[in-house]
Amino acid sequence: MTLYQRIALPDTLVGIPAPLPAELVGLSDACLADLSAAVPYAAAELGYAGFGFFPVEPEPPPPPVIDELNKIDFLRLFTQAERIAIRQAAAGNDLIADYQAMLDAATVVRLSDPDIQTGVPLLELGGLIGVGRAAQILAGETP
């Protein structure tokens, strides 16, 4: 569906993109650009004197929200260096070892899971992943 923006002429007061009003459907884009000039007999009667309509491209839909990943895809959200640092740290830190064990036992990883929501920021606080990386990982962004 083509969307149009209503524009006050000669100003550049632009309206929100929306479907074309039913009474204007069928007019060419050239006529729609300045209704006062294109349809002077009806523009004032219809309330469109001094207005034009211009086609606009609709905004692309936002990417789907990623929440559930298989374990390998979750691990791919980390860099190789981060994965190695986490495994090395798990050998001497019971908290990280427990987090690693919970992840190992999972069949899928939900980014919204409270353990993931808590654990990934702790990896950042511990310096095992870079500053800002926890937010990227929890948003499902690959490095």
C-alpha atoms as a PDB file:
ATOM      1  CA  MET A   1       0.000   0.000   0.000  1.00  0.00           C
ATOM      2  CA  THR A   2       1.365   3.382  -0.971  1.00  0.00           C
ATOM      3  CA  LEU A   3       1.319   5.977   1.783  1.00  0.00           C
ATOM      4  CA  TYR A   4       1.083   9.726   1.177  1.00  0.00           C
ATOM      5  CA  GLN A   5       2.132  12.749   3.182  1.00  0.00           C
ATOM      6  CA  ARG A   6      -0.114  15.782   3.190  1.00  0.00           C
ATOM      7  CA  ILE A   7       1.901  18.960   2.692  1.00  0.00           C
ATOM      8  CA  ALA A   8       0.705  22.548   3.160  1.00  0.00           C
ATOM      9  CA  LEU A   9       1.807  24.587   0.147  1.00  0.00           C
ATOM     10  CA  PRO A  10       3.873  26.742  -0.216  1.00  0.00           C
ATOM     11  CA  ASP A  11       5.054  25.930   3.311  1.00  0.00           C
ATOM     12  CA  THR A  12       6.645  22.617   4.067  1.00  0.00           C
ATOM     13  CA  LEU A  13       4.333  21.621   6.909  1.00  0.00           C
ATOM     14  CA  VAL A  14       4.349  17.863   6.485  1.00  0.00           C
ATOM     15  CA  GLY A  15       1.741  15.477   7.809  1.00  0.00           C
ATOM     16  CA  ILE A  16       2.118  11.912   9.027  1.00  0.00           C
ATOM     17  CA  PRO A  17       2.275   9.273   6.242  1.00  0.00           C
ATOM     18  CA  ALA A  18      -1.137   7.666   5.800  1.00  0.00           C
ATOM     19  CA  PRO A  19      -3.337   6.143   3.105  1.00  0.00           C
ATOM     20  CA  LEU A  20      -4.660   8.615   0.553  1.00  0.00           C
ATOM     21  CA  PRO A  21      -8.160   9.951   1.366  1.00  0.00           C
ATOM     22  CA  ALA A  22     -10.794   8.018  -0.611  1.00  0.00           C
ATOM     23  CA  GLU A  23     -11.922  11.108  -2.563  1.00  0.00           C
ATOM     24  CA  LEU A  24      -8.386  11.554  -3.943  1.00  0.00           C
ATOM     25  CA  VAL A  25      -7.736   7.945  -4.942  1.00  0.00           C
ATOM     26  CA  GLY A  26      -7.180   7.687  -8.675  1.00  0.00           C
ATOM     27  CA  LEU A  27      -5.575  11.098  -9.160  1.00  0.00           C
ATOM     28  CA  SER A  28      -2.091  11.029 -10.630  1.00  0.00           C
ATOM     29  CA  ASP A  29       0.910  11.896  -8.476  1.00  0.00           C
ATOM     30  CA  ALA A  30       1.319  15.071 -10.586  1.00  0.00           C
ATOM     31  CA  CYS A  31      -2.239  16.172  -9.697  1.00  0.00           C
ATOM     32  CA  LEU A  32      -1.757  15.233  -6.056  1.00  0.00           C
ATOM     33  CA  ALA A  33       1.384  17.404  -5.795  1.00  0.00           C
ATOM     34  CA  ASP A  34      -0.722  20.614  -5.835  1.00  0.00           C
ATOM     35  CA  LEU A  35      -4.446  20.029  -5.571  1.00  0.00           C
ATOM     36  CA  SER A  36      -5.286  23.759  -5.898  1.00  0.00           C
ATOM     37  CA  ALA A  37      -3.711  23.852  -9.355  1.00  0.00           C
ATOM     38  CA  ALA A  38      -4.776  20.370 -10.454  1.00  0.00           C
ATOM     39  CA  VAL A  39      -8.408  20.372  -9.333  1.00  0.00           C
ATOM     40  CA  PRO A  40      -9.194  24.046  -8.602  1.00  0.00           C
ATOM     41  CA  TYR A  41     -12.944  23.519  -8.862  1.00  0.00           C
ATOM     42  CA  ALA A  42     -12.985  20.890  -6.099  1.00  0.00           C
ATOM     43  CA  ALA A  43      -9.919  21.587  -3.940  1.00  0.00           C
ATOM     44  CA  ALA A  44     -11.618  24.277  -1.840  1.00  0.00           C
ATOM     45  CA  GLU A  45     -14.881  22.351  -1.723  1.00  0.00           C
ATOM     46  CA  LEU A  46     -13.103  19.249  -0.423  1.00  0.00           C
ATOM     47  CA  GLY A  47     -10.965  21.242   2.017  1.00  0.00           C
ATOM     48  CA  TYR A  48      -7.700  20.613   0.178  1.00  0.00           C
ATOM     49  CA  ALA A  49      -7.001  24.114  -1.188  1.00  0.00           C
ATOM     50  CA  GLY A  50      -3.328  24.896  -0.697  1.00  0.00           C
ATOM     51  CA  PHE A  51      -2.386  21.283  -0.054  1.00  0.00           C
ATOM     52  CA  GLY A  52      -0.558  18.567  -1.900  1.00  0.00           C
ATOM     53  CA  PHE A  53      -0.010  14.873  -1.282  1.00  0.00           C
ATOM     54  CA  PHE A  54       3.268  13.146  -2.000  1.00  0.00           C
ATOM     55  CA  PRO A  55       3.902   9.397  -2.012  1.00  0.00           C
ATOM     56  CA  VAL A  56       6.349   8.131   0.596  1.00  0.00           C
ATOM     57  CA  GLU A  57       7.967   4.787   1.202  1.00  0.00           C
ATOM     58  CA  PRO A  58       6.709   3.118   4.366  1.00  0.00           C
ATOM     59  CA  GLU A  59       9.235   2.519   7.124  1.00  0.00           C
ATOM     60  CA  PRO A  60      10.658  -0.997   7.008  1.00  0.00           C
ATOM     61  CA  PRO A  61       9.332  -3.206   9.770  1.00  0.00           C
ATOM     62  CA  PRO A  62      11.631  -3.556  12.753  1.00  0.00           C
ATOM     63  CA  PRO A  63      13.681  -6.735  12.851  1.00  0.00           C
ATOM     64  CA  PRO A  64      12.086  -9.524  14.833  1.00  0.00           C
ATOM     65  CA  VAL A  65      13.017  -9.639  18.490  1.00  0.00           C
ATOM     66  CA  ILE A  66      15.350 -12.531  19.132  1.00  0.00           C
ATOM     67  CA  ASP A  67      14.726 -14.272  22.429  1.00  0.00           C
ATOM     68  CA  GLU A  68      15.239 -18.004  22.027  1.00  0.00           C
ATOM     69  CA  LEU A  69      18.494 -19.339  20.598  1.00  0.00           C
ATOM     70  CA  ASN A  70      20.113 -22.711  20.397  1.00  0.00           C
ATOM     71  CA  LYS A  71      23.285 -22.880  22.505  1.00  0.00           C
ATOM     72  CA  ILE A  72      25.734 -22.545  19.612  1.00  0.00           C
ATOM     73  CA  ASP A  73      23.989 -19.402  18.352  1.00  0.00           C
ATOM     74  CA  PHE A  74      24.062 -17.980  21.886  1.00  0.00           C
ATOM     75  CA  LEU A  75      27.786 -18.685  22.151  1.00  0.00           C
ATOM     76  CA  ARG A  76      28.307 -16.990  18.772  1.00  0.00           C
ATOM     77  CA  LEU A  77      27.083 -13.761  20.368  1.00  0.00           C
ATOM     78  CA  PHE A  78      30.443 -13.752  22.193  1.00  0.00           C
ATOM     79  CA  THR A  79      33.804 -13.275  20.493  1.00  0.00           C
ATOM     80  CA  GLN A  80      36.246 -16.161  20.535  1.00  0.00           C
ATOM     81  CA  ALA A  81      38.443 -14.255  23.002  1.00  0.00           C
ATOM     82  CA  GLU A  82      35.443 -13.714  25.302  1.00  0.00           C
ATOM     83  CA  ARG A  83      34.494 -17.409  25.213  1.00  0.00           C
ATOM     84  CA  ILE A  84      38.055 -18.423  26.069  1.00  0.00           C
ATOM     85  CA  ALA A  85      38.261 -15.885  28.922  1.00  0.00           C
ATOM     86  CA  ILE A  86      34.962 -17.138  30.358  1.00  0.00           C
ATOM     87  CA  ARG A  87      36.079 -20.788  30.265  1.00  0.00           C
ATOM     88  CA  GLN A  88      39.407 -19.916  31.890  1.00  0.00           C
ATOM     89  CA  ALA A  89      37.701 -17.851  34.589  1.00  0.00           C
ATOM     90  CA  ALA A  90      35.247 -20.676  35.325  1.00  0.00           C
ATOM     91  CA  ALA A  91      38.151 -22.884  36.435  1.00  0.00           C
ATOM     92  CA  GLY A  92      38.844 -20.612  39.405  1.00  0.00           C
ATOM     93  CA  ASN A  93      35.489 -18.970  40.106  1.00  0.00           C
ATOM     94  CA  ASP A  94      32.559 -20.964  41.471  1.00  0.00           C
ATOM     95  CA  LEU A  95      30.001 -18.351  40.373  1.00  0.00           C
ATOM     96  CA  ILE A  96      31.168 -18.443  36.760  1.00  0.00           C
ATOM     97  CA  ALA A  97      31.525 -22.248  36.898  1.00  0.00           C
ATOM     98  CA  ASP A  98      27.908 -22.516  38.072  1.00  0.00           C
ATOM     99  CA  TYR A  99      26.745 -20.177  35.301  1.00  0.00           C
ATOM    100  CA  GLN A 100      28.679 -22.295  32.785  1.00  0.00           C
ATOM    101  CA  ALA A 101      27.123 -25.502  34.181  1.00  0.00           C
ATOM    102  CA  MET A 102      23.617 -24.042  33.913  1.00  0.00           C
ATOM    103  CA  LEU A 103      24.314 -23.051  30.313  1.00  0.00           C
ATOM    104  CA  ASP A 104      25.727 -26.518  29.553  1.00  0.00           C
ATOM    105  CA  ALA A 105      22.534 -28.132  30.904  1.00  0.00           C
ATOM    106  CA  ALA A 106      20.231 -25.946  28.813  1.00  0.00           C
ATOM    107  CA  THR A 107      18.781 -27.176  25.536  1.00  0.00           C
ATOM    108  CA  VAL A 108      17.915 -23.648  24.377  1.00  0.00           C
ATOM    109  CA  VAL A 109      18.883 -20.217  25.692  1.00  0.00           C
ATOM    110  CA  ARG A 110      16.240 -17.547  26.204  1.00  0.00           C
ATOM    111  CA  LEU A 111      17.781 -14.076  26.373  1.00  0.00           C
ATOM    112  CA  SER A 112      14.897 -13.018  28.618  1.00  0.00           C
ATOM    113  CA  ASP A 113      15.679 -15.766  31.156  1.00  0.00           C
ATOM    114  CA  PRO A 114      16.530 -14.238  34.560  1.00  0.00           C
ATOM    115  CA  ASP A 115      19.766 -16.268  34.807  1.00  0.00           C
ATOM    116  CA  ILE A 116      20.924 -14.915  31.426  1.00  0.00           C
ATOM    117  CA  GLN A 117      19.764 -11.385  32.285  1.00  0.00           C
ATOM    118  CA  THR A 118      21.823 -11.528  35.493  1.00  0.00           C
ATOM    119  CA  GLY A 119      24.789 -13.590  34.318  1.00  0.00           C
ATOM    120  CA  VAL A 120      25.800 -11.758  31.155  1.00  0.00           C
ATOM    121  CA  PRO A 121      26.141  -8.351  32.896  1.00  0.00           C
ATOM    122  CA  LEU A 122      28.211 -10.072  35.618  1.00  0.00           C
ATOM    123  CA  LEU A 123      30.599 -11.279  32.911  1.00  0.00           C
ATOM    124  CA  GLU A 124      30.976  -7.645  31.837  1.00  0.00           C
ATOM    125  CA  LEU A 125      31.474  -6.435  35.422  1.00  0.00           C
ATOM    126  CA  GLY A 126      34.132  -9.112  35.860  1.00  0.00           C
ATOM    127  CA  GLY A 127      36.005  -7.863  32.783  1.00  0.00           C
ATOM    128  CA  LEU A 128      35.465 -11.111  30.867  1.00  0.00           C
ATOM    129  CA  ILE A 129      33.609  -9.299  28.085  1.00  0.00           C
ATOM    130  CA  GLY A 130      34.084  -5.720  26.958  1.00  0.00           C
ATOM    131  CA  VAL A 131      32.227  -2.678  28.240  1.00  0.00           C
ATOM    132  CA  GLY A 132      28.846  -2.439  26.542  1.00  0.00           C
ATOM    133  CA  ARG A 133      28.972  -6.011  25.308  1.00  0.00           C
ATOM    134  CA  ALA A 134      26.370  -7.302  27.792  1.00  0.00           C
ATOM    135  CA  ALA A 135      23.701  -5.062  26.259  1.00  0.00           C
ATOM    136  CA  GLN A 136      24.674  -6.180  22.768  1.00  0.00           C
ATOM    137  CA  ILE A 137      24.591  -9.859  23.719  1.00  0.00           C
ATOM    138  CA  LEU A 138      21.241  -9.546  25.506  1.00  0.00           C
ATOM    139  CA  ALA A 139      19.870  -7.826  22.394  1.00  0.00           C
ATOM    140  CA  GLY A 140      21.002 -10.789  20.285  1.00  0.00           C
ATOM    141  CA  GLU A 141      23.620  -8.763  18.385  1.00  0.00           C
ATOM    142  CA  THR A 142      26.609 -10.648  17.021  1.00  0.00           C
ATOM    143  CA  PRO A 143      30.062  -9.114  17.557  1.00  0.00           C
END
